[in-house]
Structures are given as structure tokens and as C-alpha cells.
Amino acid sequence: EIMGAVASIAGVVLTVLLIIGIINAVTGKAKELPIVGKWKIVN
């Protein structure tokens, strides 16, 4: 039950980040995403 709730919250947060990323891309902004944007996984 706890992990289901955490996964649901994480899903909402990730969906918001996805929307922010799309808005940034379409509006011509190169702005890091909140929370995950600073990760330098892929150069």
C-alpha cells in the first residue's frame, strides 16, 4: 500500500516534469528540469 502510494505520487511528479520538458522544448527554452535536470548521465 505504501509503495503504491509512493509510486502514484512519483508518477504524478514525473508527468509534471514531462510536461515542463515539452513546454520548454516547444517554447525555445534550454532549461534544466526540476529534480532530474542536473544529472549528467548522458553527454
PDB file of all heavy atoms in Angstrom:
ATOM      1  N   GLU A   1       0.824  -1.206   0.000  1.00  0.00           N
ATOM      2  CA  GLU A   1       0.000   0.000   0.000  1.00  0.00           C
ATOM      3  C   GLU A   1       0.862   1.262   0.000  1.00  0.00           C
ATOM      4  O   GLU A   1       0.603   2.221  -0.731  1.00  0.00           O
ATOM      5  CB  GLU A   1      -0.945   0.014   1.219  1.00  0.00           C
ATOM      6  CG  GLU A   1      -2.050  -1.012   1.147  1.00  0.00           C
ATOM      7  CD  GLU A   1      -1.606  -2.418   1.565  1.00  0.00           C
ATOM      8  OE1 GLU A   1      -0.456  -2.594   2.025  1.00  0.00           O
ATOM      9  OE2 GLU A   1      -2.418  -3.338   1.408  1.00  0.00           O
ATOM     10  N   ILE A   2       1.905   1.250   0.822  1.00  0.00           N
ATOM     11  CA  ILE A   2       2.794   2.407   0.900  1.00  0.00           C
ATOM     12  C   ILE A   2       3.508   2.617  -0.430  1.00  0.00           C
ATOM     13  O   ILE A   2       3.572   3.729  -0.947  1.00  0.00           O
ATOM     14  CB  ILE A   2       3.810   2.238   2.053  1.00  0.00           C
ATOM     15  CG1 ILE A   2       3.084   2.307   3.401  1.00  0.00           C
ATOM     16  CG2 ILE A   2       4.909   3.299   1.974  1.00  0.00           C
ATOM     17  CD1 ILE A   2       3.944   1.914   4.588  1.00  0.00           C
ATOM     18  N   MET A   3       4.050   1.551  -0.992  1.00  0.00           N
ATOM     19  CA  MET A   3       4.754   1.679  -2.278  1.00  0.00           C
ATOM     20  C   MET A   3       3.811   2.053  -3.404  1.00  0.00           C
ATOM     21  O   MET A   3       4.196   2.769  -4.329  1.00  0.00           O
ATOM     22  CB  MET A   3       5.511   0.395  -2.619  1.00  0.00           C
ATOM     23  CG  MET A   3       6.820   0.265  -1.869  1.00  0.00           C
ATOM     24  SD  MET A   3       7.862   1.737  -1.958  1.00  0.00           S
ATOM     25  CE  MET A   3       8.268   1.800  -3.685  1.00  0.00           C
ATOM     26  N   GLY A   4       2.572   1.595  -3.327  1.00  0.00           N
ATOM     27  CA  GLY A   4       1.582   2.007  -4.321  1.00  0.00           C
ATOM     28  C   GLY A   4       1.332   3.502  -4.262  1.00  0.00           C
ATOM     29  O   GLY A   4       1.271   4.179  -5.292  1.00  0.00           O
ATOM     30  N   ALA A   5       1.234   4.027  -3.046  1.00  0.00           N
ATOM     31  CA  ALA A   5       1.032   5.470  -2.880  1.00  0.00           C
ATOM     32  C   ALA A   5       2.263   6.246  -3.348  1.00  0.00           C
ATOM     33  O   ALA A   5       2.143   7.256  -4.053  1.00  0.00           O
ATOM     34  CB  ALA A   5       0.726   5.791  -1.420  1.00  0.00           C
ATOM     35  N   VAL A   6       3.446   5.761  -2.971  1.00  0.00           N
ATOM     36  CA  VAL A   6       4.687   6.433  -3.386  1.00  0.00           C
ATOM     37  C   VAL A   6       4.817   6.407  -4.907  1.00  0.00           C
ATOM     38  O   VAL A   6       5.189   7.405  -5.529  1.00  0.00           O
ATOM     39  CB  VAL A   6       5.917   5.787  -2.708  1.00  0.00           C
ATOM     40  CG1 VAL A   6       7.218   6.276  -3.320  1.00  0.00           C
ATOM     41  CG2 VAL A   6       5.897   6.052  -1.209  1.00  0.00           C
ATOM     42  N   ALA A   7       4.522   5.255  -5.515  1.00  0.00           N
ATOM     43  CA  ALA A   7       4.610   5.133  -6.974  1.00  0.00           C
ATOM     44  C   ALA A   7       3.609   6.067  -7.661  1.00  0.00           C
ATOM     45  O   ALA A   7       3.919   6.658  -8.701  1.00  0.00           O
ATOM     46  CB  ALA A   7       4.375   3.688  -7.405  1.00  0.00           C
ATOM     47  N   SER A   8       2.435   6.213  -7.080  1.00  0.00           N
ATOM     48  CA  SER A   8       1.432   7.118  -7.655  1.00  0.00           C
ATOM     49  C   SER A   8       1.903   8.565  -7.601  1.00  0.00           C
ATOM     50  O   SER A   8       1.791   9.310  -8.583  1.00  0.00           O
ATOM     51  CB  SER A   8       0.105   6.986  -6.915  1.00  0.00           C
ATOM     52  OG  SER A   8      -0.420   5.694  -7.086  1.00  0.00           O
ATOM     53  N   ILE A   9       2.447   8.959  -6.461  1.00  0.00           N
ATOM     54  CA  ILE A   9       2.968  10.320  -6.315  1.00  0.00           C
ATOM     55  C   ILE A   9       4.124  10.546  -7.278  1.00  0.00           C
ATOM     56  O   ILE A   9       4.200  11.577  -7.951  1.00  0.00           O
ATOM     57  CB  ILE A   9       3.380  10.593  -4.859  1.00  0.00           C
ATOM     58  CG1 ILE A   9       2.131  10.612  -3.968  1.00  0.00           C
ATOM     59  CG2 ILE A   9       4.159  11.894  -4.737  1.00  0.00           C
ATOM     60  CD1 ILE A   9       2.431  10.573  -2.488  1.00  0.00           C
ATOM     61  N   ALA A  10       5.029   9.555  -7.356  1.00  0.00           N
ATOM     62  CA  ALA A  10       6.170   9.664  -8.274  1.00  0.00           C
ATOM     63  C   ALA A  10       5.681   9.766  -9.716  1.00  0.00           C
ATOM     64  O   ALA A  10       6.242  10.525 -10.517  1.00  0.00           O
ATOM     65  CB  ALA A  10       7.104   8.472  -8.112  1.00  0.00           C
ATOM     66  N   GLY A  11       4.628   9.024 -10.053  1.00  0.00           N
ATOM     67  CA  GLY A  11       4.067   9.093 -11.398  1.00  0.00           C
ATOM     68  C   GLY A  11       3.536  10.479 -11.732  1.00  0.00           C
ATOM     69  O   GLY A  11       3.746  10.989 -12.831  1.00  0.00           O
ATOM     70  N   VAL A  12       2.877  11.100 -10.766  1.00  0.00           N
ATOM     71  CA  VAL A  12       2.370  12.458 -10.977  1.00  0.00           C
ATOM     72  C   VAL A  12       3.534  13.429 -11.150  1.00  0.00           C
ATOM     73  O   VAL A  12       3.532  14.267 -12.060  1.00  0.00           O
ATOM     74  CB  VAL A  12       1.454  12.890  -9.801  1.00  0.00           C
ATOM     75  CG1 VAL A  12       1.137  14.368  -9.870  1.00  0.00           C
ATOM     76  CG2 VAL A  12       0.185  12.065  -9.785  1.00  0.00           C
ATOM     77  N   VAL A  13       4.552  13.314 -10.289  1.00  0.00           N
ATOM     78  CA  VAL A  13       5.717  14.201 -10.376  1.00  0.00           C
ATOM     79  C   VAL A  13       6.411  14.034 -11.727  1.00  0.00           C
ATOM     80  O   VAL A  13       6.763  15.023 -12.389  1.00  0.00           O
ATOM     81  CB  VAL A  13       6.705  13.936  -9.215  1.00  0.00           C
ATOM     82  CG1 VAL A  13       8.029  14.639  -9.439  1.00  0.00           C
ATOM     83  CG2 VAL A  13       6.087  14.352  -7.886  1.00  0.00           C
ATOM     84  N   LEU A  14       6.595  12.790 -12.164  1.00  0.00           N
ATOM     85  CA  LEU A  14       7.257  12.543 -13.448  1.00  0.00           C
ATOM     86  C   LEU A  14       6.424  13.061 -14.623  1.00  0.00           C
ATOM     87  O   LEU A  14       6.976  13.565 -15.597  1.00  0.00           O
ATOM     88  CB  LEU A  14       7.571  11.059 -13.609  1.00  0.00           C
ATOM     89  CG  LEU A  14       8.645  10.527 -12.649  1.00  0.00           C
ATOM     90  CD1 LEU A  14       8.730   9.003 -12.723  1.00  0.00           C
ATOM     91  CD2 LEU A  14       9.995  11.150 -12.930  1.00  0.00           C
ATOM     92  N   THR A  15       5.115  12.966 -14.511  1.00  0.00           N
ATOM     93  CA  THR A  15       4.246  13.516 -15.560  1.00  0.00           C
ATOM     94  C   THR A  15       4.365  15.038 -15.615  1.00  0.00           C
ATOM     95  O   THR A  15       4.430  15.623 -16.710  1.00  0.00           O
ATOM     96  CB  THR A  15       2.781  13.097 -15.324  1.00  0.00           C
ATOM     97  OG1 THR A  15       2.706  11.666 -15.319  1.00  0.00           O
ATOM     98  CG2 THR A  15       1.865  13.662 -16.385  1.00  0.00           C
ATOM     99  N   VAL A  16       4.436  15.677 -14.463  1.00  0.00           N
ATOM    100  CA  VAL A  16       4.613  17.136 -14.426  1.00  0.00           C
ATOM    101  C   VAL A  16       5.960  17.499 -15.055  1.00  0.00           C
ATOM    102  O   VAL A  16       6.050  18.453 -15.841  1.00  0.00           O
ATOM    103  CB  VAL A  16       4.496  17.675 -12.984  1.00  0.00           C
ATOM    104  CG1 VAL A  16       4.949  19.118 -12.889  1.00  0.00           C
ATOM    105  CG2 VAL A  16       3.067  17.526 -12.479  1.00  0.00           C
ATOM    106  N   LEU A  17       7.018  16.747 -14.737  1.00  0.00           N
ATOM    107  CA  LEU A  17       8.328  17.010 -15.323  1.00  0.00           C
ATOM    108  C   LEU A  17       8.298  16.830 -16.840  1.00  0.00           C
ATOM    109  O   LEU A  17       8.906  17.604 -17.576  1.00  0.00           O
ATOM    110  CB  LEU A  17       9.391  16.099 -14.705  1.00  0.00           C
ATOM    111  CG  LEU A  17       9.706  16.327 -13.230  1.00  0.00           C
ATOM    112  CD1 LEU A  17      10.748  15.332 -12.751  1.00  0.00           C
ATOM    113  CD2 LEU A  17      10.151  17.752 -12.978  1.00  0.00           C
ATOM    114  N   LEU A  18       7.586  15.821 -17.302  1.00  0.00           N
ATOM    115  CA  LEU A  18       7.448  15.590 -18.744  1.00  0.00           C
ATOM    116  C   LEU A  18       6.781  16.793 -19.409  1.00  0.00           C
ATOM    117  O   LEU A  18       7.251  17.280 -20.436  1.00  0.00           O
ATOM    118  CB  LEU A  18       6.618  14.320 -18.981  1.00  0.00           C
ATOM    119  CG  LEU A  18       6.297  14.003 -20.420  1.00  0.00           C
ATOM    120  CD1 LEU A  18       6.661  12.552 -20.721  1.00  0.00           C
ATOM    121  CD2 LEU A  18       4.831  14.235 -20.695  1.00  0.00           C
ATOM    122  N   ILE A  19       5.728  17.297 -18.801  1.00  0.00           N
ATOM    123  CA  ILE A  19       5.017  18.457 -19.353  1.00  0.00           C
ATOM    124  C   ILE A  19       5.926  19.690 -19.359  1.00  0.00           C
ATOM    125  O   ILE A  19       5.978  20.433 -20.341  1.00  0.00           O
ATOM    126  CB  ILE A  19       3.709  18.712 -18.573  1.00  0.00           C
ATOM    127  CG1 ILE A  19       2.723  17.566 -18.839  1.00  0.00           C
ATOM    128  CG2 ILE A  19       3.095  20.057 -18.938  1.00  0.00           C
ATOM    129  CD1 ILE A  19       1.534  17.535 -17.901  1.00  0.00           C
ATOM    130  N   ILE A  20       6.667  19.894 -18.273  1.00  0.00           N
ATOM    131  CA  ILE A  20       7.597  21.022 -18.212  1.00  0.00           C
ATOM    132  C   ILE A  20       8.634  20.910 -19.319  1.00  0.00           C
ATOM    133  O   ILE A  20       8.954  21.891 -19.997  1.00  0.00           O
ATOM    134  CB  ILE A  20       8.279  21.101 -16.824  1.00  0.00           C
ATOM    135  CG1 ILE A  20       7.266  21.510 -15.760  1.00  0.00           C
ATOM    136  CG2 ILE A  20       9.459  22.071 -16.843  1.00  0.00           C
ATOM    137  CD1 ILE A  20       7.782  21.387 -14.332  1.00  0.00           C
ATOM    138  N   GLY A  21       9.178  19.700 -19.522  1.00  0.00           N
ATOM    139  CA  GLY A  21      10.173  19.490 -20.569  1.00  0.00           C
ATOM    140  C   GLY A  21       9.627  19.795 -21.949  1.00  0.00           C
ATOM    141  O   GLY A  21      10.281  20.462 -22.763  1.00  0.00           O
ATOM    142  N   ILE A  22       8.429  19.328 -22.231  1.00  0.00           N
ATOM    143  CA  ILE A  22       7.811  19.579 -23.534  1.00  0.00           C
ATOM    144  C   ILE A  22       7.567  21.076 -23.726  1.00  0.00           C
ATOM    145  O   ILE A  22       7.857  21.626 -24.795  1.00  0.00           O
ATOM    146  CB  ILE A  22       6.501  18.770 -23.682  1.00  0.00           C
ATOM    147  CG1 ILE A  22       6.835  17.283 -23.822  1.00  0.00           C
ATOM    148  CG2 ILE A  22       5.686  19.254 -24.875  1.00  0.00           C
ATOM    149  CD1 ILE A  22       5.626  16.364 -23.799  1.00  0.00           C
ATOM    150  N   ILE A  23       7.062  21.728 -22.699  1.00  0.00           N
ATOM    151  CA  ILE A  23       6.818  23.174 -22.797  1.00  0.00           C
ATOM    152  C   ILE A  23       8.128  23.915 -23.035  1.00  0.00           C
ATOM    153  O   ILE A  23       8.201  24.810 -23.889  1.00  0.00           O
ATOM    154  CB  ILE A  23       6.096  23.696 -21.536  1.00  0.00           C
ATOM    155  CG1 ILE A  23       4.662  23.176 -21.511  1.00  0.00           C
ATOM    156  CG2 ILE A  23       6.129  25.220 -21.473  1.00  0.00           C
ATOM    157  CD1 ILE A  23       3.920  23.435 -20.215  1.00  0.00           C
ATOM    158  N   ASN A  24       9.171  23.545 -22.299  1.00  0.00           N
ATOM    159  CA  ASN A  24      10.477  24.176 -22.503  1.00  0.00           C
ATOM    160  C   ASN A  24      10.960  23.989 -23.942  1.00  0.00           C
ATOM    161  O   ASN A  24      11.430  24.926 -24.574  1.00  0.00           O
ATOM    162  CB  ASN A  24      11.522  23.628 -21.533  1.00  0.00           C
ATOM    163  CG  ASN A  24      11.366  24.172 -20.126  1.00  0.00           C
ATOM    164  OD1 ASN A  24      10.701  25.174 -19.905  1.00  0.00           O
ATOM    165  ND2 ASN A  24      11.984  23.501 -19.178  1.00  0.00           N
ATOM    166  N   ALA A  25      10.864  22.765 -24.447  1.00  0.00           N
ATOM    167  CA  ALA A  25      11.344  22.477 -25.802  1.00  0.00           C
ATOM    168  C   ALA A  25      10.581  23.287 -26.849  1.00  0.00           C
ATOM    169  O   ALA A  25      11.184  23.903 -27.726  1.00  0.00           O
ATOM    170  CB  ALA A  25      11.219  20.982 -26.099  1.00  0.00           C
ATOM    171  N   VAL A  26       9.273  23.295 -26.748  1.00  0.00           N
ATOM    172  CA  VAL A  26       8.438  23.954 -27.756  1.00  0.00           C
ATOM    173  C   VAL A  26       8.541  25.475 -27.681  1.00  0.00           C
ATOM    174  O   VAL A  26       8.462  26.148 -28.704  1.00  0.00           O
ATOM    175  CB  VAL A  26       6.968  23.479 -27.613  1.00  0.00           C
ATOM    176  CG1 VAL A  26       6.038  24.279 -28.491  1.00  0.00           C
ATOM    177  CG2 VAL A  26       6.862  22.003 -27.944  1.00  0.00           C
ATOM    178  N   THR A  27       8.761  26.008 -26.486  1.00  0.00           N
ATOM    179  CA  THR A  27       8.857  27.465 -26.348  1.00  0.00           C
ATOM    180  C   THR A  27      10.276  27.981 -26.563  1.00  0.00           C
ATOM    181  O   THR A  27      10.521  29.182 -26.405  1.00  0.00           O
ATOM    182  CB  THR A  27       8.343  27.931 -24.973  1.00  0.00           C
ATOM    183  OG1 THR A  27       9.099  27.290 -23.945  1.00  0.00           O
ATOM    184  CG2 THR A  27       6.864  27.651 -24.819  1.00  0.00           C
ATOM    185  N   GLY A  28      11.185  27.086 -26.908  1.00  0.00           N
ATOM    186  CA  GLY A  28      12.540  27.514 -27.232  1.00  0.00           C
ATOM    187  C   GLY A  28      13.430  27.760 -26.026  1.00  0.00           C
ATOM    188  O   GLY A  28      14.376  28.536 -26.103  1.00  0.00           O
ATOM    189  N   LYS A  29      13.157  27.092 -24.921  1.00  0.00           N
ATOM    190  CA  LYS A  29      13.973  27.249 -23.722  1.00  0.00           C
ATOM    191  C   LYS A  29      14.851  26.026 -23.520  1.00  0.00           C
ATOM    192  O   LYS A  29      14.403  24.897 -23.696  1.00  0.00           O
ATOM    193  CB  LYS A  29      13.096  27.433 -22.486  1.00  0.00           C
ATOM    194  CG  LYS A  29      12.318  28.716 -22.477  1.00  0.00           C
ATOM    195  CD  LYS A  29      11.500  28.824 -21.223  1.00  0.00           C
ATOM    196  CE  LYS A  29      10.600  30.040 -21.286  1.00  0.00           C
ATOM    197  NZ  LYS A  29       9.593  30.010 -20.244  1.00  0.00           N
ATOM    198  N   ALA A  30      16.084  26.260 -23.141  1.00  0.00           N
ATOM    199  CA  ALA A  30      17.004  25.179 -22.777  1.00  0.00           C
ATOM    200  C   ALA A  30      17.203  25.283 -21.273  1.00  0.00           C
ATOM    201  O   ALA A  30      18.226  25.753 -20.785  1.00  0.00           O
ATOM    202  CB  ALA A  30      18.318  25.302 -23.526  1.00  0.00           C
ATOM    203  N   LYS A  31      16.186  24.872 -20.537  1.00  0.00           N
ATOM    204  CA  LYS A  31      16.183  24.997 -19.085  1.00  0.00           C
ATOM    205  C   LYS A  31      16.122  23.612 -18.465  1.00  0.00           C
ATOM    206  O   LYS A  31      15.320  22.775 -18.886  1.00  0.00           O
ATOM    207  CB  LYS A  31      14.975  25.834 -18.664  1.00  0.00           C
ATOM    208  CG  LYS A  31      15.008  26.260 -17.235  1.00  0.00           C
ATOM    209  CD  LYS A  31      13.923  27.262 -16.943  1.00  0.00           C
ATOM    210  CE  LYS A  31      14.024  27.635 -15.473  1.00  0.00           C
ATOM    211  NZ  LYS A  31      12.955  28.485 -15.047  1.00  0.00           N
ATOM    212  N   GLU A  32      16.987  23.374 -17.463  1.00  0.00           N
ATOM    213  CA  GLU A  32      17.012  22.074 -16.806  1.00  0.00           C
ATOM    214  C   GLU A  32      15.659  21.777 -16.159  1.00  0.00           C
ATOM    215  O   GLU A  32      14.986  22.671 -15.655  1.00  0.00           O
ATOM    216  CB  GLU A  32      18.082  22.043 -15.712  1.00  0.00           C
ATOM    217  CG  GLU A  32      19.485  22.017 -16.224  1.00  0.00           C
ATOM    218  CD  GLU A  32      20.512  22.006 -15.101  1.00  0.00           C
ATOM    219  OE1 GLU A  32      20.169  22.322 -13.943  1.00  0.00           O
ATOM    220  OE2 GLU A  32      21.670  21.679 -15.394  1.00  0.00           O
ATOM    221  N   LEU A  33      15.312  20.480 -16.155  1.00  0.00           N
ATOM    222  CA  LEU A  33      14.110  20.060 -15.465  1.00  0.00           C
ATOM    223  C   LEU A  33      14.350  20.108 -13.954  1.00  0.00           C
ATOM    224  O   LEU A  33      15.467  19.866 -13.499  1.00  0.00           O
ATOM    225  CB  LEU A  33      13.747  18.621 -15.849  1.00  0.00           C
ATOM    226  CG  LEU A  33      13.299  18.378 -17.277  1.00  0.00           C
ATOM    227  CD1 LEU A  33      13.120  16.889 -17.526  1.00  0.00           C
ATOM    228  CD2 LEU A  33      12.011  19.120 -17.561  1.00  0.00           C
ATOM    229  N   PRO A  34      13.315  20.416 -13.179  1.00  0.00           N
ATOM    230  CA  PRO A  34      13.478  20.316 -11.728  1.00  0.00           C
ATOM    231  C   PRO A  34      13.784  18.863 -11.336  1.00  0.00           C
ATOM    232  O   PRO A  34      13.405  17.929 -12.034  1.00  0.00           O
ATOM    233  CB  PRO A  34      12.109  20.729 -11.180  1.00  0.00           C
ATOM    234  CG  PRO A  34      11.487  21.535 -12.273  1.00  0.00           C
ATOM    235  CD  PRO A  34      12.009  20.948 -13.548  1.00  0.00           C
ATOM    236  N   ILE A  35      14.468  18.657 -10.270  1.00  0.00           N
ATOM    237  CA  ILE A  35      14.812  17.382  -9.650  1.00  0.00           C
ATOM    238  C   ILE A  35      15.828  16.582 -10.466  1.00  0.00           C
ATOM    239  O   ILE A  35      16.910  16.283  -9.991  1.00  0.00           O
ATOM    240  CB  ILE A  35      13.580  16.505  -9.341  1.00  0.00           C
ATOM    241  CG1 ILE A  35      12.585  17.269  -8.463  1.00  0.00           C
ATOM    242  CG2 ILE A  35      13.990  15.188  -8.673  1.00  0.00           C
ATOM    243  CD1 ILE A  35      11.226  16.634  -8.348  1.00  0.00           C
ATOM    244  N   VAL A  36      15.510  16.217 -11.717  1.00  0.00           N
ATOM    245  CA  VAL A  36      16.373  15.332 -12.508  1.00  0.00           C
ATOM    246  C   VAL A  36      17.263  16.061 -13.502  1.00  0.00           C
ATOM    247  O   VAL A  36      18.144  15.456 -14.111  1.00  0.00           O
ATOM    248  CB  VAL A  36      15.530  14.269 -13.272  1.00  0.00           C
ATOM    249  CG1 VAL A  36      14.727  13.418 -12.311  1.00  0.00           C
ATOM    250  CG2 VAL A  36      14.620  14.918 -14.298  1.00  0.00           C
ATOM    251  N   GLY A  37      17.064  17.339 -13.679  1.00  0.00           N
ATOM    252  CA  GLY A  37      17.768  18.091 -14.725  1.00  0.00           C
ATOM    253  C   GLY A  37      19.260  18.218 -14.543  1.00  0.00           C
ATOM    254  O   GLY A  37      20.004  18.339 -15.509  1.00  0.00           O
ATOM    255  N   LYS A  38      19.729  18.181 -13.323  1.00  0.00           N
ATOM    256  CA  LYS A  38      21.158  18.353 -13.057  1.00  0.00           C
ATOM    257  C   LYS A  38      21.962  17.075 -13.296  1.00  0.00           C
ATOM    258  O   LYS A  38      23.176  17.122 -13.335  1.00  0.00           O
ATOM    259  CB  LYS A  38      21.363  18.811 -11.619  1.00  0.00           C
ATOM    260  CG  LYS A  38      20.898  20.221 -11.378  1.00  0.00           C
ATOM    261  CD  LYS A  38      21.341  20.705 -10.015  1.00  0.00           C
ATOM    262  CE  LYS A  38      20.814  22.057  -9.661  1.00  0.00           C
ATOM    263  NZ  LYS A  38      21.006  23.109 -10.592  1.00  0.00           N
ATOM    264  N   TRP A  39      21.292  15.961 -13.422  1.00  0.00           N
ATOM    265  CA  TRP A  39      22.006  14.703 -13.635  1.00  0.00           C
ATOM    266  C   TRP A  39      22.776  14.784 -14.947  1.00  0.00           C
ATOM    267  O   TRP A  39      22.254  15.209 -15.964  1.00  0.00           O
ATOM    268  CB  TRP A  39      21.059  13.520 -13.703  1.00  0.00           C
ATOM    269  CG  TRP A  39      20.237  13.292 -12.468  1.00  0.00           C
ATOM    270  CD1 TRP A  39      20.393  13.888 -11.239  1.00  0.00           C
ATOM    271  CD2 TRP A  39      19.129  12.419 -12.348  1.00  0.00           C
ATOM    272  NE1 TRP A  39      19.441  13.427 -10.378  1.00  0.00           N
ATOM    273  CE2 TRP A  39      18.651  12.516 -11.028  1.00  0.00           C
ATOM    274  CE3 TRP A  39      18.484  11.557 -13.223  1.00  0.00           C
ATOM    275  CZ2 TRP A  39      17.563  11.780 -10.566  1.00  0.00           C
ATOM    276  CZ3 TRP A  39      17.416  10.831 -12.769  1.00  0.00           C
ATOM    277  CH2 TRP A  39      16.963  10.945 -11.456  1.00  0.00           C
ATOM    278  N   LYS A  40      24.005  14.364 -14.927  1.00  0.00           N
ATOM    279  CA  LYS A  40      24.840  14.347 -16.143  1.00  0.00           C
ATOM    280  C   LYS A  40      25.090  12.906 -16.545  1.00  0.00           C
ATOM    281  O   LYS A  40      26.214  12.418 -16.560  1.00  0.00           O
ATOM    282  CB  LYS A  40      26.156  15.089 -15.901  1.00  0.00           C
ATOM    283  CG  LYS A  40      25.992  16.536 -15.480  1.00  0.00           C
ATOM    284  CD  LYS A  40      25.312  17.354 -16.555  1.00  0.00           C
ATOM    285  CE  LYS A  40      25.170  18.793 -16.109  1.00  0.00           C
ATOM    286  NZ  LYS A  40      24.125  19.516 -16.747  1.00  0.00           N
ATOM    287  N   ILE A  41      24.027  12.208 -16.864  1.00  0.00           N
ATOM    288  CA  ILE A  41      24.108  10.793 -17.215  1.00  0.00           C
ATOM    289  C   ILE A  41      24.608  10.611 -18.627  1.00  0.00           C
ATOM    290  O   ILE A  41      25.444   9.783 -18.918  1.00  0.00           O
ATOM    291  CB  ILE A  41      22.735  10.113 -17.010  1.00  0.00           C
ATOM    292  CG1 ILE A  41      22.373  10.186 -15.518  1.00  0.00           C
ATOM    293  CG2 ILE A  41      22.769   8.680 -17.501  1.00  0.00           C
ATOM    294  CD1 ILE A  41      20.991   9.781 -15.204  1.00  0.00           C
ATOM    295  N   VAL A  42      24.073  11.424 -19.533  1.00  0.00           N
ATOM    296  CA  VAL A  42      24.444  11.335 -20.939  1.00  0.00           C
ATOM    297  C   VAL A  42      24.978  12.684 -21.394  1.00  0.00           C
ATOM    298  O   VAL A  42      24.314  13.702 -21.241  1.00  0.00           O
ATOM    299  CB  VAL A  42      23.231  10.946 -21.804  1.00  0.00           C
ATOM    300  CG1 VAL A  42      23.589  10.965 -23.267  1.00  0.00           C
ATOM    301  CG2 VAL A  42      22.714   9.573 -21.420  1.00  0.00           C
ATOM    302  N   ASN A  43      26.157  12.706 -21.929  1.00  0.00           N
ATOM    303  CA  ASN A  43      26.700  13.912 -22.542  1.00  0.00           C
ATOM    304  C   ASN A  43      26.559  13.767 -24.038  1.00  0.00           C
ATOM    305  O   ASN A  43      27.511  13.528 -24.758  1.00  0.00           O
ATOM    306  CB  ASN A  43      28.174  14.101 -22.170  1.00  0.00           C
ATOM    307  CG  ASN A  43      28.337  15.003 -20.997  1.00  0.00           C
ATOM    308  OD1 ASN A  43      27.427  15.717 -20.625  1.00  0.00           O
ATOM    309  ND2 ASN A  43      29.491  14.956 -20.389  1.00  0.00           N
TER     310      ASN A  43
END
